Amino acid sequence: MDVLEALHFAGETAAVMSFARRCVADISMEDTYGVGALVGFLTRQGMTDFRATLIERAVEAADLDHVQSVTRLLEALVEADDGDAVARLLRRDPVGCVDLRRASADHNQRLLDVLRKVGCPQAEELARRARAVGCLPGEEYLPHGLNPDGTRAAPWTWAELVAQDEC
């Protein structure tokens, strides 16, 4: 990505096109973060044909093990305004694939935020799993706390708790 950015800023349009073509063809789908960064670059540069080719490869074969990488790829697909690609990637169940313990609570929160933004039905499952292993920031479920199953507790007041105890 740095080379593409440098070529772009140097005004080397032909070199950018040539190198971007090679990157799209040769980038490993194990480098999901790099794929997301490349999709973002192609979007910003208006290289829609190259982007479409890369997105096609990514939604079918990108590695979905790393929280930060999946987040970057999803953000790039959102930036590209490609809802179909987002839906196809979500059908591969990235929520079930990511290793929550290999990322910080903030990175898990960022993935959760992007999953909610794209309307992923498994977003709350990710939140529950992350909370259960202590891998989400705690502020999200304050002030009412969590139910024993890890879901957010309904709002309550101290007066309600006292009244329940009187029965």
Protein backbone atom coordinates (compact mmCIF):
# COMPACT_ATOMS: atom_id res chain seq x y z
CA MET A 1 0.00 0.00 0.00
CA ASP A 2 2.79 2.42 0.81
CA VAL A 3 4.25 2.03 -2.67
CA LEU A 4 0.86 2.66 -4.30
CA GLU A 5 0.31 5.72 -2.12
CA ALA A 6 3.79 7.04 -2.92
CA LEU A 7 3.32 6.52 -6.66
CA HIS A 8 -0.04 8.24 -6.49
CA PHE A 9 1.34 11.26 -4.65
CA ALA A 10 4.24 11.43 -7.12
CA GLY A 11 1.72 11.67 -9.95
CA GLU A 12 2.89 8.44 -11.57
CA THR A 13 -0.53 7.43 -12.91
CA ALA A 14 0.72 4.73 -15.30
CA ALA A 15 2.85 3.15 -12.57
CA VAL A 16 -0.10 3.26 -10.14
CA MET A 17 -2.31 1.46 -12.66
CA SER A 18 0.32 -1.17 -13.42
CA PHE A 19 1.21 -1.82 -9.80
CA ALA A 20 -2.44 -1.82 -8.67
CA ARG A 21 -3.23 -4.44 -11.33
CA ARG A 22 -0.42 -6.65 -10.00
CA CYS A 23 -1.48 -6.11 -6.38
CA VAL A 24 -5.08 -7.08 -7.13
CA ALA A 25 -3.95 -10.24 -8.92
CA ASP A 26 -1.27 -11.29 -6.46
CA ILE A 27 -2.31 -10.21 -2.94
CA SER A 28 -2.72 -13.15 -0.60
CA MET A 29 -6.20 -13.66 0.81
CA GLU A 30 -4.46 -14.52 4.10
CA ASP A 31 -3.56 -10.81 4.35
CA THR A 32 -7.13 -9.70 4.99
CA TYR A 33 -6.03 -6.39 6.52
CA GLY A 34 -3.97 -5.65 3.41
CA VAL A 35 -6.88 -6.63 1.19
CA GLY A 36 -9.12 -4.20 3.06
CA ALA A 37 -6.51 -1.45 2.77
CA LEU A 38 -6.15 -2.11 -0.96
CA VAL A 39 -9.93 -2.04 -1.47
CA GLY A 40 -9.98 1.30 0.34
CA PHE A 41 -7.19 2.70 -1.85
CA LEU A 42 -8.89 1.51 -5.04
CA THR A 43 -12.15 3.09 -3.88
CA ARG A 44 -10.51 6.43 -3.12
CA GLN A 45 -8.75 6.42 -6.51
CA GLY A 46 -11.90 5.48 -8.45
CA MET A 47 -10.37 2.26 -9.77
CA THR A 48 -13.70 0.47 -9.81
CA ASP A 49 -12.73 -2.37 -12.18
CA PHE A 50 -9.72 -3.38 -10.10
CA ARG A 51 -11.76 -2.95 -6.93
CA ALA A 52 -14.56 -5.19 -8.23
CA THR A 53 -12.05 -7.93 -9.07
CA LEU A 54 -10.44 -7.73 -5.64
CA ILE A 55 -13.77 -7.63 -3.79
CA GLU A 56 -14.89 -10.74 -5.67
CA ARG A 57 -11.79 -12.59 -4.50
CA ALA A 58 -12.04 -11.24 -0.95
CA VAL A 59 -15.66 -12.15 -0.23
CA GLU A 60 -14.97 -15.70 -1.35
CA ALA A 61 -11.55 -16.39 0.13
CA ALA A 62 -10.28 -13.78 2.62
CA ASP A 63 -9.06 -15.18 5.93
CA LEU A 64 -11.58 -14.34 8.68
CA ASP A 65 -9.58 -15.26 11.79
CA HIS A 66 -8.32 -11.84 12.89
CA VAL A 67 -10.63 -9.22 14.39
CA GLN A 68 -8.70 -6.21 13.07
CA SER A 69 -8.46 -7.67 9.58
CA VAL A 70 -12.15 -8.52 9.32
CA THR A 71 -12.99 -5.06 10.63
CA ARG A 72 -10.76 -3.38 8.02
CA LEU A 73 -12.23 -5.43 5.20
CA LEU A 74 -15.82 -4.72 6.27
CA GLU A 75 -15.05 -1.01 6.63
CA ALA A 76 -13.55 -0.99 3.13
CA LEU A 77 -16.63 -2.72 1.67
CA VAL A 78 -18.84 -0.14 3.39
CA GLU A 79 -16.63 2.66 2.04
CA ALA A 80 -17.00 1.09 -1.42
CA ASP A 81 -20.78 1.14 -0.89
CA ASP A 82 -20.99 -2.52 -1.87
CA GLY A 83 -23.84 -3.93 0.19
CA ASP A 84 -23.92 -7.12 -1.84
CA ALA A 85 -20.27 -7.83 -1.01
CA VAL A 86 -20.93 -7.11 2.66
CA ALA A 87 -23.86 -9.55 2.64
CA ARG A 88 -21.80 -12.22 0.89
CA LEU A 89 -18.94 -11.82 3.36
CA LEU A 90 -21.34 -12.02 6.32
CA ARG A 91 -22.74 -15.30 4.94
CA ARG A 92 -19.27 -16.75 5.56
CA ASP A 93 -19.90 -16.12 9.29
CA PRO A 94 -16.95 -13.94 10.29
CA VAL A 95 -18.47 -13.70 13.78
CA GLY A 96 -17.96 -17.43 14.23
CA CYS A 97 -14.46 -17.32 12.74
CA VAL A 98 -12.72 -14.47 14.56
CA ASP A 99 -10.56 -15.20 17.56
CA LEU A 100 -11.72 -12.65 20.14
CA ARG A 101 -8.85 -13.32 22.54
CA ARG A 102 -6.23 -12.31 19.96
CA ALA A 103 -7.51 -8.71 19.84
CA SER A 104 -7.86 -5.91 22.33
CA ALA A 105 -11.22 -4.95 23.79
CA ASP A 106 -11.14 -1.79 21.66
CA HIS A 107 -10.58 -3.79 18.47
CA ASN A 108 -13.43 -6.13 19.37
CA GLN A 109 -15.62 -3.08 20.00
CA ARG A 110 -14.69 -1.64 16.60
CA LEU A 111 -15.68 -4.90 14.89
CA LEU A 112 -18.93 -4.93 16.86
CA ASP A 113 -19.63 -1.35 15.77
CA VAL A 114 -19.11 -2.11 12.07
CA LEU A 115 -21.20 -5.30 12.32
CA ARG A 116 -24.04 -3.30 13.84
CA LYS A 117 -23.63 -0.59 11.19
CA VAL A 118 -24.09 -3.12 8.37
CA GLY A 119 -27.01 -4.80 10.15
CA CYS A 120 -25.30 -8.10 10.85
CA PRO A 121 -27.74 -10.35 12.74
CA GLN A 122 -24.85 -12.05 14.56
CA ALA A 123 -23.53 -8.76 16.02
CA GLU A 124 -25.16 -9.35 19.39
CA GLU A 125 -23.80 -12.89 19.44
CA LEU A 126 -20.32 -11.42 19.01
CA ALA A 127 -21.02 -8.95 21.82
CA ARG A 128 -22.22 -11.73 24.13
CA ARG A 129 -19.18 -13.91 23.37
CA ALA A 130 -16.75 -11.01 23.80
CA ARG A 131 -18.29 -9.94 27.10
CA ALA A 132 -18.25 -13.51 28.38
CA VAL A 133 -14.47 -13.70 27.93
CA GLY A 134 -13.83 -10.12 29.08
CA CYS A 135 -12.92 -8.85 25.62
CA LEU A 136 -15.17 -5.78 25.33
CA PRO A 137 -14.94 -2.44 27.08
CA GLY A 138 -17.29 -2.35 30.08
CA GLU A 139 -18.83 1.07 29.49
CA GLU A 140 -21.15 -0.27 26.83
CA TYR A 141 -23.40 -2.11 29.27
CA LEU A 142 -23.46 0.41 32.08
CA PRO A 143 -25.42 1.44 34.12
CA HIS A 144 -27.82 -1.54 34.18
CA GLY A 145 -25.33 -4.38 33.79
CA LEU A 146 -25.74 -7.77 32.19
CA ASN A 147 -28.06 -10.71 32.57
CA PRO A 148 -26.42 -14.03 33.49
CA ASP A 149 -26.44 -15.05 29.80
CA GLY A 150 -24.32 -12.01 28.83
CA THR A 151 -27.12 -9.96 27.26
CA ARG A 152 -27.78 -6.40 28.38
CA ALA A 153 -30.05 -6.09 31.40
CA ALA A 154 -33.26 -4.10 31.06
CA PRO A 155 -33.28 -0.68 32.71
CA TRP A 156 -34.09 -0.77 36.43
CA THR A 157 -34.10 1.54 39.44
CA TRP A 158 -33.10 1.00 43.04
CA ALA A 159 -36.68 1.70 44.10
CA GLU A 160 -37.87 -1.20 41.93
CA LEU A 161 -35.33 -3.54 43.51
CA VAL A 162 -36.37 -2.49 47.03
CA ALA A 163 -40.05 -2.97 46.11
CA GLN A 164 -39.33 -6.48 44.80
CA ASP A 165 -37.63 -7.38 48.04
CA GLU A 166 -40.66 -6.33 50.11
CA CYS A 167 -42.92 -8.97 48.57
